[in-house]
Amino acid sequence: MKKKSISIISVGIIAILVVASCSEKPEEPVIQETTGIRSVTTYAPSRVTMTSAEIRVGTNLYANEAITKRGILIIESSNPALSDPTKGVEYIAAQSSTGNNDEEVYSVNLSDLKANTVYTYMGFACTESETYYGSTKLLVTSFGTVIDAEKNEYQTVKIGTQIWMRDNIKSTIYFDQESIQGCLDKGTAQGYGKHYTYSAATRISPDSKAGPAQGVCPTGWHVPSDSEWQQLLTYIGVPTDQTKSLGLIGDGQAGKLKDAGTEFWTNEIMNNVTGFSIMPAGILNPDAGDECIQTAFWSSTPYIYYGFQVNSEKILRGNDEADCACGISVRCIKD
């Protein structure tokens, strides 16, 4: 198949005006329609498990040429930077849904993937004369699953030597069935987990000595300490001399942890190469501060949190006041 890149193609109609003399009647404009596809969009993966995922492909057509086939090409990627999806396996998109403007969005449901594996993929669409490709994206399958006290199931990912939940926890009870006081909900973050005050998340009272904290996490898991967050950030490339600093740290690493959907984030660098899949769950702050933070996570170290902004490549390491009633998210880490 002949490969044609169409990352950005001007859309429009070419009008050719033939200029006549003043005494003659102007000729009618001649309209030339452009054939082919205007764009192919490769969307970030969703509904990812150990062996399955849903991937969407969007196509934008000119009016006079039909698509004969569309789908994705996917290849296992031990080195994503060197992987060429055009040499991978082809999956044909079968299900259609309405997209934005003139875009049609089709889904590919994968069910034969390997657990704890990185794949590179791209969307494609064929007409009678050409094959067009979208951009490449990464898919990281889950390492395993874990169930909380309310029987909610979470996917997990292995990042370096650490095993993290892939999702924010959403339990309203502790492992011993006690109700969580300080578990908050944010309507705009439906599906992104619950928000917790520091004491609710960790079960550490203001006058007690901090230590390992199971808190809201399932048995065998705990709220990560500041040092465990630092280990994660060092692994993805944040300079070690920055990980203990308060304020914005790193340069380009936030996109390695964020979900790669451009409908959620606007980073220039965003590939979710870790599978950590941060979503913009928001925060709940009675004092209406920190509005620039689209999501944040507690550590078990008193009042230290890590925040992420919608369009920043940096990560915010913050330290809240002891009397703060803020509700933010929790990602559990395996003991």
C-alpha atoms as a PDB file:
ATOM      1  CA  MET A   1       0.000   0.000   0.000  1.00  0.00           C
ATOM      2  CA  LYS A   2       1.233   3.491  -0.794  1.00  0.00           C
ATOM      3  CA  LYS A   3       1.801   5.472   2.417  1.00  0.00           C
ATOM      4  CA  LYS A   4       0.614   9.054   2.648  1.00  0.00           C
ATOM      5  CA  SER A   5       1.023  11.190   5.782  1.00  0.00           C
ATOM      6  CA  ILE A   6      -1.832  13.584   6.486  1.00  0.00           C
ATOM      7  CA  SER A   7      -1.091  15.102   9.874  1.00  0.00           C
ATOM      8  CA  ILE A   8      -2.229  18.528   8.676  1.00  0.00           C
ATOM      9  CA  ILE A   9      -3.908  19.103   5.311  1.00  0.00           C
ATOM     10  CA  SER A  10      -5.615  22.328   4.353  1.00  0.00           C
ATOM     11  CA  VAL A  11      -9.315  21.879   3.849  1.00  0.00           C
ATOM     12  CA  GLY A  12     -11.212  23.805   1.269  1.00  0.00           C
ATOM     13  CA  ILE A  13     -12.374  24.276  -2.274  1.00  0.00           C
ATOM     14  CA  ILE A  14     -10.095  25.702  -4.932  1.00  0.00           C
ATOM     15  CA  ALA A  15     -11.877  28.359  -6.914  1.00  0.00           C
ATOM     16  CA  ILE A  16     -10.300  29.429 -10.204  1.00  0.00           C
ATOM     17  CA  LEU A  17     -11.522  32.714 -11.552  1.00  0.00           C
ATOM     18  CA  VAL A  18     -10.892  33.455 -15.216  1.00  0.00           C
ATOM     19  CA  VAL A  19     -10.606  37.228 -15.594  1.00  0.00           C
ATOM     20  CA  ALA A  20     -12.148  38.680 -18.755  1.00  0.00           C
ATOM     21  CA  SER A  21     -11.965  42.174 -20.255  1.00  0.00           C
ATOM     22  CA  CYS A  22     -14.271  44.930 -19.018  1.00  0.00           C
ATOM     23  CA  SER A  23     -16.567  44.594 -21.993  1.00  0.00           C
ATOM     24  CA  GLU A  24     -17.104  40.874 -21.642  1.00  0.00           C
ATOM     25  CA  LYS A  25     -19.359  39.059 -19.227  1.00  0.00           C
ATOM     26  CA  PRO A  26     -17.266  37.424 -16.487  1.00  0.00           C
ATOM     27  CA  GLU A  27     -17.097  33.681 -16.720  1.00  0.00           C
ATOM     28  CA  GLU A  28     -18.575  31.559 -13.938  1.00  0.00           C
ATOM     29  CA  PRO A  29     -16.042  30.308 -11.359  1.00  0.00           C
ATOM     30  CA  VAL A  30     -14.787  26.802 -12.006  1.00  0.00           C
ATOM     31  CA  ILE A  31     -15.017  24.672  -8.844  1.00  0.00           C
ATOM     32  CA  GLN A  32     -12.483  21.860  -8.423  1.00  0.00           C
ATOM     33  CA  GLU A  33     -13.212  19.383  -5.647  1.00  0.00           C
ATOM     34  CA  THR A  34     -10.294  17.759  -3.859  1.00  0.00           C
ATOM     35  CA  THR A  35     -10.435  13.976  -3.690  1.00  0.00           C
ATOM     36  CA  GLY A  36      -9.345  11.739  -0.836  1.00  0.00           C
ATOM     37  CA  ILE A  37      -9.477  12.021   2.955  1.00  0.00           C
ATOM     38  CA  ARG A  38      -8.997  15.219   4.894  1.00  0.00           C
ATOM     39  CA  SER A  39      -7.667  13.588   8.053  1.00  0.00           C
ATOM     40  CA  VAL A  40      -7.306  10.367  10.028  1.00  0.00           C
ATOM     41  CA  THR A  41      -7.278  10.742  13.825  1.00  0.00           C
ATOM     42  CA  THR A  42      -5.796   8.085  16.094  1.00  0.00           C
ATOM     43  CA  TYR A  43      -7.392   8.321  19.547  1.00  0.00           C
ATOM     44  CA  ALA A  44      -5.891   7.281  22.875  1.00  0.00           C
ATOM     45  CA  PRO A  45      -6.889   3.801  24.113  1.00  0.00           C
ATOM     46  CA  SER A  46      -9.746   3.323  26.563  1.00  0.00           C
ATOM     47  CA  ARG A  47     -11.188   0.456  28.650  1.00  0.00           C
ATOM     48  CA  VAL A  48      -7.705  -1.040  28.941  1.00  0.00           C
ATOM     49  CA  THR A  49      -7.301  -4.325  30.814  1.00  0.00           C
ATOM     50  CA  MET A  50      -4.578  -6.987  30.898  1.00  0.00           C
ATOM     51  CA  THR A  51      -5.679  -8.478  27.559  1.00  0.00           C
ATOM     52  CA  SER A  52      -8.116  -6.026  25.972  1.00  0.00           C
ATOM     53  CA  ALA A  53      -8.640  -2.397  24.968  1.00  0.00           C
ATOM     54  CA  GLU A  54     -10.884  -0.205  22.865  1.00  0.00           C
ATOM     55  CA  ILE A  55      -9.259   2.049  20.261  1.00  0.00           C
ATOM     56  CA  ARG A  56     -11.104   4.651  18.197  1.00  0.00           C
ATOM     57  CA  VAL A  57     -10.241   5.953  14.745  1.00  0.00           C
ATOM     58  CA  GLY A  58     -11.749   9.132  13.317  1.00  0.00           C
ATOM     59  CA  THR A  59     -11.945   9.982   9.607  1.00  0.00           C
ATOM     60  CA  ASN A  60     -12.840  13.205   7.823  1.00  0.00           C
ATOM     61  CA  LEU A  61     -13.860  12.766   4.176  1.00  0.00           C
ATOM     62  CA  TYR A  62     -14.136  14.901   1.102  1.00  0.00           C
ATOM     63  CA  ALA A  63     -17.498  14.312  -0.509  1.00  0.00           C
ATOM     64  CA  ASN A  64     -16.524  12.483  -3.678  1.00  0.00           C
ATOM     65  CA  GLU A  65     -14.491   9.470  -2.532  1.00  0.00           C
ATOM     66  CA  ALA A  66     -15.632   6.599  -0.346  1.00  0.00           C
ATOM     67  CA  ILE A  67     -13.607   4.797   2.300  1.00  0.00           C
ATOM     68  CA  THR A  68     -13.207   1.121   1.491  1.00  0.00           C
ATOM     69  CA  LYS A  69     -11.549   0.072   4.749  1.00  0.00           C
ATOM     70  CA  ARG A  70     -10.506   1.624   8.063  1.00  0.00           C
ATOM     71  CA  GLY A  71      -9.021   0.375  11.304  1.00  0.00           C
ATOM     72  CA  ILE A  72      -5.707   0.244  13.151  1.00  0.00           C
ATOM     73  CA  LEU A  73      -2.259  -1.246  12.686  1.00  0.00           C
ATOM     74  CA  ILE A  74      -0.634  -2.373  15.927  1.00  0.00           C
ATOM     75  CA  ILE A  75       2.718  -3.855  16.886  1.00  0.00           C
ATOM     76  CA  GLU A  76       4.299  -4.948  20.156  1.00  0.00           C
ATOM     77  CA  SER A  77       6.911  -2.375  21.155  1.00  0.00           C
ATOM     78  CA  SER A  78       9.956  -3.315  23.184  1.00  0.00           C
ATOM     79  CA  ASN A  79      11.323   0.033  21.961  1.00  0.00           C
ATOM     80  CA  PRO A  80       8.346   2.305  21.062  1.00  0.00           C
ATOM     81  CA  ALA A  81      10.593   4.947  19.465  1.00  0.00           C
ATOM     82  CA  LEU A  82      11.751   2.443  16.831  1.00  0.00           C
ATOM     83  CA  SER A  83       8.477   0.589  16.265  1.00  0.00           C
ATOM     84  CA  ASP A  84       6.722   0.834  12.896  1.00  0.00           C
ATOM     85  CA  PRO A  85       2.992   0.015  13.185  1.00  0.00           C
ATOM     86  CA  THR A  86       2.708  -0.442   9.393  1.00  0.00           C
ATOM     87  CA  LYS A  87       4.584  -3.721   9.932  1.00  0.00           C
ATOM     88  CA  GLY A  88       2.110  -4.809  12.601  1.00  0.00           C
ATOM     89  CA  VAL A  89      -1.221  -6.600  12.700  1.00  0.00           C
ATOM     90  CA  GLU A  90      -4.233  -5.035  10.989  1.00  0.00           C
ATOM     91  CA  TYR A  91      -7.585  -4.793  12.763  1.00  0.00           C
ATOM     92  CA  ILE A  92     -10.626  -3.561  10.871  1.00  0.00           C
ATOM     93  CA  ALA A  93     -12.967  -1.104  12.610  1.00  0.00           C
ATOM     94  CA  ALA A  94     -16.514  -2.379  12.777  1.00  0.00           C
ATOM     95  CA  GLN A  95     -18.521  -0.080  15.023  1.00  0.00           C
ATOM     96  CA  SER A  96     -19.361   3.515  14.163  1.00  0.00           C
ATOM     97  CA  SER A  97     -20.352   6.463  16.326  1.00  0.00           C
ATOM     98  CA  THR A  98     -20.903  10.152  15.660  1.00  0.00           C
ATOM     99  CA  GLY A  99     -17.847  12.378  15.879  1.00  0.00           C
ATOM    100  CA  ASN A 100     -17.321  16.131  15.886  1.00  0.00           C
ATOM    101  CA  ASN A 101     -18.311  18.167  12.811  1.00  0.00           C
ATOM    102  CA  ASP A 102     -17.825  15.982   9.727  1.00  0.00           C
ATOM    103  CA  GLU A 103     -15.789  13.325  11.512  1.00  0.00           C
ATOM    104  CA  GLU A 104     -16.897   9.711  11.713  1.00  0.00           C
ATOM    105  CA  VAL A 105     -15.445   7.744  14.605  1.00  0.00           C
ATOM    106  CA  TYR A 106     -15.044   3.976  14.458  1.00  0.00           C
ATOM    107  CA  SER A 107     -14.050   1.590  17.243  1.00  0.00           C
ATOM    108  CA  VAL A 108     -11.722  -1.384  17.260  1.00  0.00           C
ATOM    109  CA  ASN A 109     -12.112  -3.757  20.217  1.00  0.00           C
ATOM    110  CA  LEU A 110      -8.958  -5.741  20.912  1.00  0.00           C
ATOM    111  CA  SER A 111      -9.205  -8.904  22.995  1.00  0.00           C
ATOM    112  CA  ASP A 112      -6.002 -10.872  22.396  1.00  0.00           C
ATOM    113  CA  LEU A 113      -3.337  -8.625  23.935  1.00  0.00           C
ATOM    114  CA  LYS A 114      -0.514  -9.591  26.296  1.00  0.00           C
ATOM    115  CA  ALA A 115      -0.558  -8.359  29.891  1.00  0.00           C
ATOM    116  CA  ASN A 116       2.003  -5.769  31.035  1.00  0.00           C
ATOM    117  CA  THR A 117       3.050  -5.007  27.464  1.00  0.00           C
ATOM    118  CA  VAL A 118       3.622  -1.819  25.452  1.00  0.00           C
ATOM    119  CA  TYR A 119       2.153  -1.588  21.941  1.00  0.00           C
ATOM    120  CA  THR A 120       2.479   1.088  19.255  1.00  0.00           C
ATOM    121  CA  TYR A 121      -0.504   1.640  16.964  1.00  0.00           C
ATOM    122  CA  MET A 122      -1.929   4.030  14.387  1.00  0.00           C
ATOM    123  CA  GLY A 123      -5.261   4.529  12.680  1.00  0.00           C
ATOM    124  CA  PHE A 124      -5.582   4.121   8.921  1.00  0.00           C
ATOM    125  CA  ALA A 125      -8.209   4.505   6.204  1.00  0.00           C
ATOM    126  CA  CYS A 126      -8.205   3.306   2.590  1.00  0.00           C
ATOM    127  CA  THR A 127      -9.898   4.663  -0.522  1.00  0.00           C
ATOM    128  CA  GLU A 128      -9.742   3.038  -3.946  1.00  0.00           C
ATOM    129  CA  SER A 129      -6.529   4.914  -4.722  1.00  0.00           C
ATOM    130  CA  GLU A 130      -4.683   5.632  -1.454  1.00  0.00           C
ATOM    131  CA  THR A 131      -4.051   4.540   2.139  1.00  0.00           C
ATOM    132  CA  TYR A 132      -3.933   7.319   4.726  1.00  0.00           C
ATOM    133  CA  TYR A 133      -2.433   7.117   8.234  1.00  0.00           C
ATOM    134  CA  GLY A 134      -3.022   8.951  11.477  1.00  0.00           C
ATOM    135  CA  SER A 135      -0.453   9.636  14.180  1.00  0.00           C
ATOM    136  CA  THR A 136       1.079   6.843  16.280  1.00  0.00           C
ATOM    137  CA  LYS A 137       0.082   6.285  19.909  1.00  0.00           C
ATOM    138  CA  LEU A 138       1.035   3.917  22.719  1.00  0.00           C
ATOM    139  CA  LEU A 139      -1.068   1.302  24.485  1.00  0.00           C
ATOM    140  CA  VAL A 140       0.166  -0.127  27.800  1.00  0.00           C
ATOM    141  CA  THR A 141      -1.820  -3.138  28.985  1.00  0.00           C
ATOM    142  CA  SER A 142      -2.488  -3.677  32.666  1.00  0.00           C
ATOM    143  CA  PHE A 143      -0.305  -5.737  34.992  1.00  0.00           C
ATOM    144  CA  GLY A 144      -3.186  -7.147  37.053  1.00  0.00           C
ATOM    145  CA  THR A 145      -6.255  -6.207  39.080  1.00  0.00           C
ATOM    146  CA  VAL A 146      -7.160  -5.471  42.702  1.00  0.00           C
ATOM    147  CA  ILE A 147     -10.506  -5.221  44.535  1.00  0.00           C
ATOM    148  CA  ASP A 148     -11.315  -2.729  47.300  1.00  0.00           C
ATOM    149  CA  ALA A 149     -13.544  -3.110  50.366  1.00  0.00           C
ATOM    150  CA  GLU A 150     -16.655  -2.299  48.306  1.00  0.00           C
ATOM    151  CA  LYS A 151     -15.761  -4.894  45.663  1.00  0.00           C
ATOM    152  CA  ASN A 152     -14.801  -2.251  43.091  1.00  0.00           C
ATOM    153  CA  GLU A 153     -12.188  -3.663  40.702  1.00  0.00           C
ATOM    154  CA  TYR A 154      -9.172  -1.640  39.565  1.00  0.00           C
ATOM    155  CA  GLN A 155      -6.603  -2.260  36.846  1.00  0.00           C
ATOM    156  CA  THR A 156      -2.943  -2.033  37.898  1.00  0.00           C
ATOM    157  CA  VAL A 157       0.296  -1.125  36.104  1.00  0.00           C
ATOM    158  CA  LYS A 158       3.915  -2.004  36.818  1.00  0.00           C
ATOM    159  CA  ILE A 159       6.270   0.978  36.531  1.00  0.00           C
ATOM    160  CA  GLY A 160       9.873   0.050  37.227  1.00  0.00           C
ATOM    161  CA  THR A 161       9.758  -2.053  40.392  1.00  0.00           C
ATOM    162  CA  GLN A 162       6.533  -0.436  41.672  1.00  0.00           C
ATOM    163  CA  ILE A 163       2.975  -1.654  41.123  1.00  0.00           C
ATOM    164  CA  TRP A 164       0.347   1.113  41.120  1.00  0.00           C
ATOM    165  CA  MET A 165      -3.388   1.283  40.634  1.00  0.00           C
ATOM    166  CA  ARG A 166      -4.226   2.480  37.132  1.00  0.00           C
ATOM    167  CA  ASP A 167      -7.326   4.279  38.449  1.00  0.00           C
ATOM    168  CA  ASN A 168      -8.150   6.577  41.355  1.00  0.00           C
ATOM    169  CA  ILE A 169      -9.699   4.740  44.263  1.00  0.00           C
ATOM    170  CA  LYS A 170     -13.423   5.315  44.851  1.00  0.00           C
ATOM    171  CA  SER A 171     -14.275   3.377  48.000  1.00  0.00           C
ATOM    172  CA  THR A 172     -16.495   4.962  50.657  1.00  0.00           C
ATOM    173  CA  ILE A 173     -15.482   2.431  53.346  1.00  0.00           C
ATOM    174  CA  TYR A 174     -12.167   1.253  54.788  1.00  0.00           C
ATOM    175  CA  PHE A 175     -10.968  -2.370  54.637  1.00  0.00           C
ATOM    176  CA  ASP A 176     -12.538  -2.960  58.090  1.00  0.00           C
ATOM    177  CA  GLN A 177     -15.919  -1.755  56.768  1.00  0.00           C
ATOM    178  CA  GLU A 178     -15.863   1.513  58.713  1.00  0.00           C
ATOM    179  CA  SER A 179     -17.413   4.398  56.799  1.00  0.00           C
ATOM    180  CA  ILE A 180     -14.935   7.013  55.525  1.00  0.00           C
ATOM    181  CA  GLN A 181     -15.590  10.464  56.956  1.00  0.00           C
ATOM    182  CA  GLY A 182     -14.037  12.999  54.625  1.00  0.00           C
ATOM    183  CA  CYS A 183     -14.791  11.117  51.419  1.00  0.00           C
ATOM    184  CA  LEU A 184     -16.019  13.758  48.992  1.00  0.00           C
ATOM    185  CA  ASP A 185     -17.583  13.596  45.545  1.00  0.00           C
ATOM    186  CA  LYS A 186     -17.210  15.945  42.585  1.00  0.00           C
ATOM    187  CA  GLY A 187     -19.971  15.776  40.006  1.00  0.00           C
ATOM    188  CA  THR A 188     -17.729  16.859  37.140  1.00  0.00           C
ATOM    189  CA  ALA A 189     -15.295  14.049  37.958  1.00  0.00           C
ATOM    190  CA  GLN A 190     -17.798  11.228  37.682  1.00  0.00           C
ATOM    191  CA  GLY A 191     -15.903   8.042  36.890  1.00  0.00           C
ATOM    192  CA  TYR A 192     -12.596   9.484  38.091  1.00  0.00           C
ATOM    193  CA  GLY A 193     -12.811   8.176  41.658  1.00  0.00           C
ATOM    194  CA  LYS A 194     -13.578   9.931  44.942  1.00  0.00           C
ATOM    195  CA  HIS A 195     -11.851  12.865  46.628  1.00  0.00           C
ATOM    196  CA  TYR A 196     -10.553  12.576  50.190  1.00  0.00           C
ATOM    197  CA  THR A 197      -9.226  14.874  52.851  1.00  0.00           C
ATOM    198  CA  TYR A 198      -5.705  14.001  54.019  1.00  0.00           C
ATOM    199  CA  SER A 199      -6.870  12.418  57.276  1.00  0.00           C
ATOM    200  CA  ALA A 200      -9.587  10.434  55.473  1.00  0.00           C
ATOM    201  CA  ALA A 201      -7.164   9.197  52.816  1.00  0.00           C
ATOM    202  CA  THR A 202      -4.443   8.108  55.229  1.00  0.00           C
ATOM    203  CA  ARG A 203      -6.260   7.556  58.545  1.00  0.00           C
ATOM    204  CA  ILE A 204      -3.418   9.542  60.097  1.00  0.00           C
ATOM    205  CA  SER A 205      -4.631  12.066  62.663  1.00  0.00           C
ATOM    206  CA  PRO A 206      -2.953  15.499  62.876  1.00  0.00           C
ATOM    207  CA  ASP A 207      -1.338  14.695  66.239  1.00  0.00           C
ATOM    208  CA  SER A 208      -0.048  11.221  65.350  1.00  0.00           C
ATOM    209  CA  LYS A 209       3.334  10.258  63.918  1.00  0.00           C
ATOM    210  CA  ALA A 210       3.221   9.564  60.190  1.00  0.00           C
ATOM    211  CA  GLY A 211       4.164   6.119  58.982  1.00  0.00           C
ATOM    212  CA  PRO A 212       3.003   3.501  56.480  1.00  0.00           C
ATOM    213  CA  ALA A 213      -0.668   4.181  55.839  1.00  0.00           C
ATOM    214  CA  GLN A 214      -3.116   1.704  54.367  1.00  0.00           C
ATOM    215  CA  GLY A 215      -5.827   4.316  54.705  1.00  0.00           C
ATOM    216  CA  VAL A 216      -8.463   4.004  51.959  1.00  0.00           C
ATOM    217  CA  CYS A 217      -6.482   1.327  50.109  1.00  0.00           C
ATOM    218  CA  PRO A 218      -7.258  -2.408  49.944  1.00  0.00           C
ATOM    219  CA  THR A 219      -5.414  -4.937  52.078  1.00  0.00           C
ATOM    220  CA  GLY A 220      -1.911  -5.425  50.690  1.00  0.00           C
ATOM    221  CA  TRP A 221      -1.868  -1.868  49.340  1.00  0.00           C
ATOM    222  CA  HIS A 222      -1.227   1.552  50.873  1.00  0.00           C
ATOM    223  CA  VAL A 223      -1.237   5.297  50.218  1.00  0.00           C
ATOM    224  CA  PRO A 224       2.186   6.014  48.662  1.00  0.00           C
ATOM    225  CA  SER A 225       4.688   7.936  50.736  1.00  0.00           C
ATOM    226  CA  ASP A 226       6.476  11.007  49.456  1.00  0.00           C
ATOM    227  CA  SER A 227       9.597   8.907  48.848  1.00  0.00           C
ATOM    228  CA  GLU A 228       7.572   6.424  46.762  1.00  0.00           C
ATOM    229  CA  TRP A 229       6.247   9.285  44.639  1.00  0.00           C
ATOM    230  CA  GLN A 230       9.826  10.517  44.270  1.00  0.00           C
ATOM    231  CA  GLN A 231      10.892   7.053  43.130  1.00  0.00           C
ATOM    232  CA  LEU A 232       8.173   7.112  40.444  1.00  0.00           C
ATOM    233  CA  LEU A 233       9.175  10.568  39.230  1.00  0.00           C
ATOM    234  CA  THR A 234      12.864   9.641  39.132  1.00  0.00           C
ATOM    235  CA  TYR A 235      11.993   6.582  37.034  1.00  0.00           C
ATOM    236  CA  ILE A 236      10.230   8.710  34.401  1.00  0.00           C
ATOM    237  CA  GLY A 237      13.111  11.163  34.217  1.00  0.00           C
ATOM    238  CA  VAL A 238      12.523  13.970  36.707  1.00  0.00           C
ATOM    239  CA  PRO A 239      16.003  15.049  37.882  1.00  0.00           C
ATOM    240  CA  THR A 240      16.752  13.661  41.345  1.00  0.00           C
ATOM    241  CA  ASP A 241      17.812  17.052  42.646  1.00  0.00           C
ATOM    242  CA  GLN A 242      14.296  18.377  41.935  1.00  0.00           C
ATOM    243  CA  THR A 243      12.175  15.640  43.488  1.00  0.00           C
ATOM    244  CA  LYS A 244      12.430  17.072  47.010  1.00  0.00           C
ATOM    245  CA  SER A 245      11.662  20.650  45.924  1.00  0.00           C
ATOM    246  CA  LEU A 246       8.283  22.296  46.403  1.00  0.00           C
ATOM    247  CA  GLY A 247       6.680  23.880  43.347  1.00  0.00           C
ATOM    248  CA  LEU A 248       6.848  22.883  39.690  1.00  0.00           C
ATOM    249  CA  ILE A 249       9.395  20.169  38.964  1.00  0.00           C
ATOM    250  CA  GLY A 250      10.534  18.217  35.928  1.00  0.00           C
ATOM    251  CA  ASP A 251      10.343  19.231  32.287  1.00  0.00           C
ATOM    252  CA  GLY A 252       8.335  17.050  29.917  1.00  0.00           C
ATOM    253  CA  GLN A 253       7.643  14.155  32.295  1.00  0.00           C
ATOM    254  CA  ALA A 254       3.984  14.903  33.154  1.00  0.00           C
ATOM    255  CA  GLY A 255       2.849  13.533  29.791  1.00  0.00           C
ATOM    256  CA  LYS A 256       4.365  10.141  30.634  1.00  0.00           C
ATOM    257  CA  LEU A 257       1.794   9.781  33.426  1.00  0.00           C
ATOM    258  CA  LYS A 258      -1.267  11.468  31.888  1.00  0.00           C
ATOM    259  CA  ASP A 259      -3.892   9.722  29.793  1.00  0.00           C
ATOM    260  CA  ALA A 260      -2.984  10.547  26.189  1.00  0.00           C
ATOM    261  CA  GLY A 261      -6.478  11.702  25.196  1.00  0.00           C
ATOM    262  CA  THR A 262      -6.320  15.236  23.780  1.00  0.00           C
ATOM    263  CA  GLU A 263      -9.911  15.729  24.920  1.00  0.00           C
ATOM    264  CA  PHE A 264      -8.557  15.682  28.496  1.00  0.00           C
ATOM    265  CA  TRP A 265      -5.134  17.351  28.313  1.00  0.00           C
ATOM    266  CA  THR A 266      -3.386  19.756  25.959  1.00  0.00           C
ATOM    267  CA  ASN A 267       0.271  18.896  26.556  1.00  0.00           C
ATOM    268  CA  GLU A 268       2.580  18.968  23.566  1.00  0.00           C
ATOM    269  CA  ILE A 269       4.361  15.921  24.974  1.00  0.00           C
ATOM    270  CA  MET A 270       1.843  13.298  26.058  1.00  0.00           C
ATOM    271  CA  ASN A 271       2.153   9.554  25.463  1.00  0.00           C
ATOM    272  CA  ASN A 272       1.206   7.817  28.750  1.00  0.00           C
ATOM    273  CA  VAL A 273       4.165   5.486  28.218  1.00  0.00           C
ATOM    274  CA  THR A 274       3.786   4.231  31.811  1.00  0.00           C
ATOM    275  CA  GLY A 275       0.079   3.383  31.577  1.00  0.00           C
ATOM    276  CA  PHE A 276      -0.508   5.463  34.747  1.00  0.00           C
ATOM    277  CA  SER A 277      -3.367   7.175  32.894  1.00  0.00           C
ATOM    278  CA  ILE A 278      -4.042  10.309  34.968  1.00  0.00           C
ATOM    279  CA  MET A 279      -7.404  11.911  34.202  1.00  0.00           C
ATOM    280  CA  PRO A 280      -8.455  15.509  35.066  1.00  0.00           C
ATOM    281  CA  ALA A 281     -10.497  14.551  38.127  1.00  0.00           C
ATOM    282  CA  GLY A 282     -10.302  18.055  39.603  1.00  0.00           C
ATOM    283  CA  ILE A 283      -9.929  18.932  43.271  1.00  0.00           C
ATOM    284  CA  LEU A 284     -12.366  19.986  45.980  1.00  0.00           C
ATOM    285  CA  ASN A 285     -11.080  23.049  47.790  1.00  0.00           C
ATOM    286  CA  PRO A 286     -13.401  24.961  50.145  1.00  0.00           C
ATOM    287  CA  ASP A 287     -11.039  27.929  49.948  1.00  0.00           C
ATOM    288  CA  ALA A 288     -11.322  27.981  46.134  1.00  0.00           C
ATOM    289  CA  GLY A 289      -7.540  27.965  45.746  1.00  0.00           C
ATOM    290  CA  ASP A 290      -5.307  25.918  43.456  1.00  0.00           C
ATOM    291  CA  GLU A 291      -7.716  26.399  40.578  1.00  0.00           C
ATOM    292  CA  CYS A 292      -4.863  25.860  38.109  1.00  0.00           C
ATOM    293  CA  ILE A 293      -4.533  22.212  39.209  1.00  0.00           C
ATOM    294  CA  GLN A 294      -6.694  19.824  37.184  1.00  0.00           C
ATOM    295  CA  THR A 295      -5.970  16.872  39.462  1.00  0.00           C
ATOM    296  CA  ALA A 296      -3.813  16.061  42.492  1.00  0.00           C
ATOM    297  CA  PHE A 297      -2.856  13.035  44.611  1.00  0.00           C
ATOM    298  CA  TRP A 298      -2.085  12.688  48.297  1.00  0.00           C
ATOM    299  CA  SER A 299       1.060  11.093  49.618  1.00  0.00           C
ATOM    300  CA  SER A 300       0.963   9.586  53.114  1.00  0.00           C
ATOM    301  CA  THR A 301       3.694  12.027  54.172  1.00  0.00           C
ATOM    302  CA  PRO A 302       1.765  14.751  55.993  1.00  0.00           C
ATOM    303  CA  TYR A 303       0.112  17.133  53.552  1.00  0.00           C
ATOM    304  CA  ILE A 304       2.490  16.501  50.630  1.00  0.00           C
ATOM    305  CA  TYR A 305       0.622  16.150  47.352  1.00  0.00           C
ATOM    306  CA  TYR A 306       1.416  15.946  43.633  1.00  0.00           C
ATOM    307  CA  GLY A 307      -0.594  18.029  41.172  1.00  0.00           C
ATOM    308  CA  PHE A 308      -1.008  18.088  37.392  1.00  0.00           C
ATOM    309  CA  GLN A 309      -2.107  20.982  35.187  1.00  0.00           C
ATOM    310  CA  VAL A 310      -4.038  20.811  31.939  1.00  0.00           C
ATOM    311  CA  ASN A 311      -1.321  22.114  29.620  1.00  0.00           C
ATOM    312  CA  SER A 312       1.911  21.837  31.612  1.00  0.00           C
ATOM    313  CA  GLU A 313       4.756  19.413  31.080  1.00  0.00           C
ATOM    314  CA  LYS A 314       5.768  19.925  34.717  1.00  0.00           C
ATOM    315  CA  ILE A 315       4.513  18.321  37.950  1.00  0.00           C
ATOM    316  CA  LEU A 316       3.567  20.282  41.044  1.00  0.00           C
ATOM    317  CA  ARG A 317       4.900  19.040  44.381  1.00  0.00           C
ATOM    318  CA  GLY A 318       2.884  20.843  47.036  1.00  0.00           C
ATOM    319  CA  ASN A 319       2.523  20.995  50.813  1.00  0.00           C
ATOM    320  CA  ASP A 320      -0.916  21.829  52.218  1.00  0.00           C
ATOM    321  CA  GLU A 321      -1.791  23.334  55.577  1.00  0.00           C
ATOM    322  CA  ALA A 322      -2.567  20.946  58.415  1.00  0.00           C
ATOM    323  CA  ASP A 323      -6.110  22.313  58.752  1.00  0.00           C
ATOM    324  CA  CYS A 324      -6.880  22.123  55.020  1.00  0.00           C
ATOM    325  CA  ALA A 325     -10.192  20.430  54.222  1.00  0.00           C
ATOM    326  CA  CYS A 326      -9.268  19.913  50.559  1.00  0.00           C
ATOM    327  CA  GLY A 327     -10.468  16.780  48.841  1.00  0.00           C
ATOM    328  CA  ILE A 328      -8.099  15.291  46.279  1.00  0.00           C
ATOM    329  CA  SER A 329      -7.520  11.912  44.657  1.00  0.00           C
ATOM    330  CA  VAL A 330      -5.611   8.825  45.844  1.00  0.00           C
ATOM    331  CA  ARG A 331      -3.629   6.277  43.852  1.00  0.00           C
ATOM    332  CA  CYS A 332      -2.742   3.210  45.890  1.00  0.00           C
ATOM    333  CA  ILE A 333       0.573   1.358  45.580  1.00  0.00           C
ATOM    334  CA  LYS A 334       1.207  -2.306  46.336  1.00  0.00           C
ATOM    335  CA  ASP A 335       3.000  -3.213  49.594  1.00  0.00           C
END
